[in-house]
């Protein structure tokens, strides 16, 4: 039998199927917000929906594609995919200024 240690202590309760209250789940990371009731939930959903609606469609599709990408089967491969795209090529220097007054 091979034993693989859990490298993230916060994963242990989830692996063991322990019940988590909202505060602990928020602290551990599976959730990004905890709300007290349905009205607060509706308000958070409306706010986040509006925020997504205002983002460029192409950017959202690119993020969605990265999240669904299953080609990276190792952590290093996933990290490579998550690296930002190379910057645009550096702008070429402007040509030397021409004097309209003619030679001096």
C-alpha atoms as a PDB file:
ATOM      1  CA  UNK A   1       0.000   0.000   0.000  1.00  0.00           C
ATOM      2  CA  UNK A   2       1.338   3.413  -0.968  1.00  0.00           C
ATOM      3  CA  UNK A   3       0.716   6.348   1.322  1.00  0.00           C
ATOM      4  CA  UNK A   4       0.481   9.797  -0.196  1.00  0.00           C
ATOM      5  CA  UNK A   5       0.550  12.538   2.418  1.00  0.00           C
ATOM      6  CA  UNK A   6      -2.022  15.292   2.194  1.00  0.00           C
ATOM      7  CA  UNK A   7      -0.030  18.420   1.538  1.00  0.00           C
ATOM      8  CA  UNK A   8      -2.843  20.791   2.343  1.00  0.00           C
ATOM      9  CA  UNK A   9      -4.063  20.384   5.935  1.00  0.00           C
ATOM     10  CA  UNK A  10      -7.321  22.141   5.127  1.00  0.00           C
ATOM     11  CA  UNK A  11      -8.181  19.323   2.706  1.00  0.00           C
ATOM     12  CA  UNK A  12      -8.271  16.759   5.526  1.00  0.00           C
ATOM     13  CA  UNK A  13     -11.807  17.591   6.762  1.00  0.00           C
ATOM     14  CA  UNK A  14     -13.099  17.386   3.201  1.00  0.00           C
ATOM     15  CA  UNK A  15     -11.316  14.086   2.562  1.00  0.00           C
ATOM     16  CA  UNK A  16     -12.765  12.654   5.766  1.00  0.00           C
ATOM     17  CA  UNK A  17     -16.244  13.914   4.969  1.00  0.00           C
ATOM     18  CA  UNK A  18     -16.429  16.067   8.103  1.00  0.00           C
ATOM     19  CA  UNK A  19     -19.264  18.539   8.329  1.00  0.00           C
ATOM     20  CA  UNK A  20     -18.199  22.166   8.057  1.00  0.00           C
ATOM     21  CA  UNK A  21     -20.080  25.196   9.243  1.00  0.00           C
ATOM     22  CA  UNK A  22     -20.229  28.225   6.936  1.00  0.00           C
ATOM     23  CA  UNK A  23     -17.446  30.134   8.711  1.00  0.00           C
ATOM     24  CA  UNK A  24     -15.038  27.183   8.525  1.00  0.00           C
ATOM     25  CA  UNK A  25     -15.859  26.511   4.867  1.00  0.00           C
ATOM     26  CA  UNK A  26     -15.223  30.170   4.073  1.00  0.00           C
ATOM     27  CA  UNK A  27     -11.932  30.050   5.963  1.00  0.00           C
ATOM     28  CA  UNK A  28     -10.825  26.886   4.158  1.00  0.00           C
ATOM     29  CA  UNK A  29     -11.546  28.223   0.715  1.00  0.00           C
ATOM     30  CA  UNK A  30     -14.273  26.157  -0.949  1.00  0.00           C
ATOM     31  CA  UNK A  31     -16.546  29.206  -0.798  1.00  0.00           C
ATOM     32  CA  UNK A  32     -15.869  32.861  -1.456  1.00  0.00           C
ATOM     33  CA  UNK A  33     -18.869  34.290   0.367  1.00  0.00           C
ATOM     34  CA  UNK A  34     -21.316  33.177   3.042  1.00  0.00           C
ATOM     35  CA  UNK A  35     -24.660  34.927   3.398  1.00  0.00           C
ATOM     36  CA  UNK A  36     -27.174  34.845   6.254  1.00  0.00           C
ATOM     37  CA  UNK A  37     -30.382  34.430   4.237  1.00  0.00           C
ATOM     38  CA  UNK A  38     -32.043  34.232   0.829  1.00  0.00           C
ATOM     39  CA  UNK A  39     -32.326  38.024   0.489  1.00  0.00           C
ATOM     40  CA  UNK A  40     -28.594  38.452   1.030  1.00  0.00           C
ATOM     41  CA  UNK A  41     -27.946  35.647  -1.449  1.00  0.00           C
ATOM     42  CA  UNK A  42     -30.087  37.388  -4.070  1.00  0.00           C
ATOM     43  CA  UNK A  43     -28.179  40.630  -3.502  1.00  0.00           C
ATOM     44  CA  UNK A  44     -24.778  38.930  -3.875  1.00  0.00           C
ATOM     45  CA  UNK A  45     -25.940  37.116  -7.011  1.00  0.00           C
ATOM     46  CA  UNK A  46     -27.208  40.359  -8.552  1.00  0.00           C
ATOM     47  CA  UNK A  47     -23.933  42.131  -7.749  1.00  0.00           C
ATOM     48  CA  UNK A  48     -21.752  39.372  -9.169  1.00  0.00           C
ATOM     49  CA  UNK A  49     -23.948  38.926 -12.225  1.00  0.00           C
ATOM     50  CA  UNK A  50     -23.623  42.639 -12.965  1.00  0.00           C
ATOM     51  CA  UNK A  51     -19.839  42.447 -12.514  1.00  0.00           C
ATOM     52  CA  UNK A  52     -19.598  39.559 -14.986  1.00  0.00           C
ATOM     53  CA  UNK A  53     -21.939  41.254 -17.428  1.00  0.00           C
ATOM     54  CA  UNK A  54     -19.578  44.237 -17.569  1.00  0.00           C
ATOM     55  CA  UNK A  55     -16.483  42.147 -18.423  1.00  0.00           C
ATOM     56  CA  UNK A  56     -15.297  41.632 -21.996  1.00  0.00           C
ATOM     57  CA  UNK A  57     -16.896  38.481 -23.415  1.00  0.00           C
ATOM     58  CA  UNK A  58     -13.616  37.269 -24.940  1.00  0.00           C
ATOM     59  CA  UNK A  59     -11.831  37.493 -21.587  1.00  0.00           C
ATOM     60  CA  UNK A  60     -14.536  35.471 -19.857  1.00  0.00           C
ATOM     61  CA  UNK A  61     -14.424  32.817 -22.582  1.00  0.00           C
ATOM     62  CA  UNK A  62     -10.634  32.579 -22.250  1.00  0.00           C
ATOM     63  CA  UNK A  63     -10.886  32.083 -18.477  1.00  0.00           C
ATOM     64  CA  UNK A  64     -13.621  29.493 -18.938  1.00  0.00           C
ATOM     65  CA  UNK A  65     -11.442  27.640 -21.431  1.00  0.00           C
ATOM     66  CA  UNK A  66      -8.521  27.581 -18.991  1.00  0.00           C
ATOM     67  CA  UNK A  67     -10.755  26.277 -16.218  1.00  0.00           C
ATOM     68  CA  UNK A  68     -12.039  23.458 -18.424  1.00  0.00           C
ATOM     69  CA  UNK A  69      -8.649  22.572 -19.916  1.00  0.00           C
ATOM     70  CA  UNK A  70      -7.816  18.997 -18.970  1.00  0.00           C
ATOM     71  CA  UNK A  71      -4.619  18.685 -20.996  1.00  0.00           C
ATOM     72  CA  UNK A  72      -2.472  19.515 -17.979  1.00  0.00           C
ATOM     73  CA  UNK A  73      -2.262  16.295 -16.000  1.00  0.00           C
ATOM     74  CA  UNK A  74       0.503  17.409 -13.637  1.00  0.00           C
ATOM     75  CA  UNK A  75       0.850  20.433 -11.389  1.00  0.00           C
ATOM     76  CA  UNK A  76       3.847  21.832 -13.330  1.00  0.00           C
ATOM     77  CA  UNK A  77       1.936  21.457 -16.611  1.00  0.00           C
ATOM     78  CA  UNK A  78      -1.061  23.272 -15.134  1.00  0.00           C
ATOM     79  CA  UNK A  79       1.175  26.069 -13.853  1.00  0.00           C
ATOM     80  CA  UNK A  80       2.688  26.420 -17.314  1.00  0.00           C
ATOM     81  CA  UNK A  81      -0.777  26.818 -18.809  1.00  0.00           C
ATOM     82  CA  UNK A  82      -1.699  29.405 -16.203  1.00  0.00           C
ATOM     83  CA  UNK A  83       1.246  31.657 -17.013  1.00  0.00           C
ATOM     84  CA  UNK A  84       0.298  34.960 -18.610  1.00  0.00           C
ATOM     85  CA  UNK A  85       0.673  35.206 -22.331  1.00  0.00           C
ATOM     86  CA  UNK A  86       3.905  36.821 -23.503  1.00  0.00           C
ATOM     87  CA  UNK A  87       3.689  40.558 -23.798  1.00  0.00           C
ATOM     88  CA  UNK A  88       3.143  42.089 -27.167  1.00  0.00           C
ATOM     89  CA  UNK A  89       6.375  42.609 -29.090  1.00  0.00           C
ATOM     90  CA  UNK A  90       8.186  45.729 -28.009  1.00  0.00           C
ATOM     91  CA  UNK A  91       7.388  48.769 -30.091  1.00  0.00           C
ATOM     92  CA  UNK A  92       9.991  49.637 -32.652  1.00  0.00           C
ATOM     93  CA  UNK A  93      11.870  52.856 -31.960  1.00  0.00           C
ATOM     94  CA  UNK A  94      10.574  55.845 -33.836  1.00  0.00           C
ATOM     95  CA  UNK A  95      12.679  56.936 -36.802  1.00  0.00           C
ATOM     96  CA  UNK A  96      15.062  59.792 -36.187  1.00  0.00           C
ATOM     97  CA  UNK A  97      13.327  63.147 -36.234  1.00  0.00           C
ATOM     98  CA  UNK A  98      13.518  65.085 -39.468  1.00  0.00           C
ATOM     99  CA  UNK A  99      14.127  68.768 -39.425  1.00  0.00           C
ATOM    100  CA  UNK A 100      11.862  70.815 -41.656  1.00  0.00           C
ATOM    101  CA  UNK A 101      14.281  73.736 -41.478  1.00  0.00           C
ATOM    102  CA  UNK A 102      16.850  71.948 -43.606  1.00  0.00           C
ATOM    103  CA  UNK A 103      20.545  71.373 -42.854  1.00  0.00           C
ATOM    104  CA  UNK A 104      22.318  73.801 -40.550  1.00  0.00           C
END
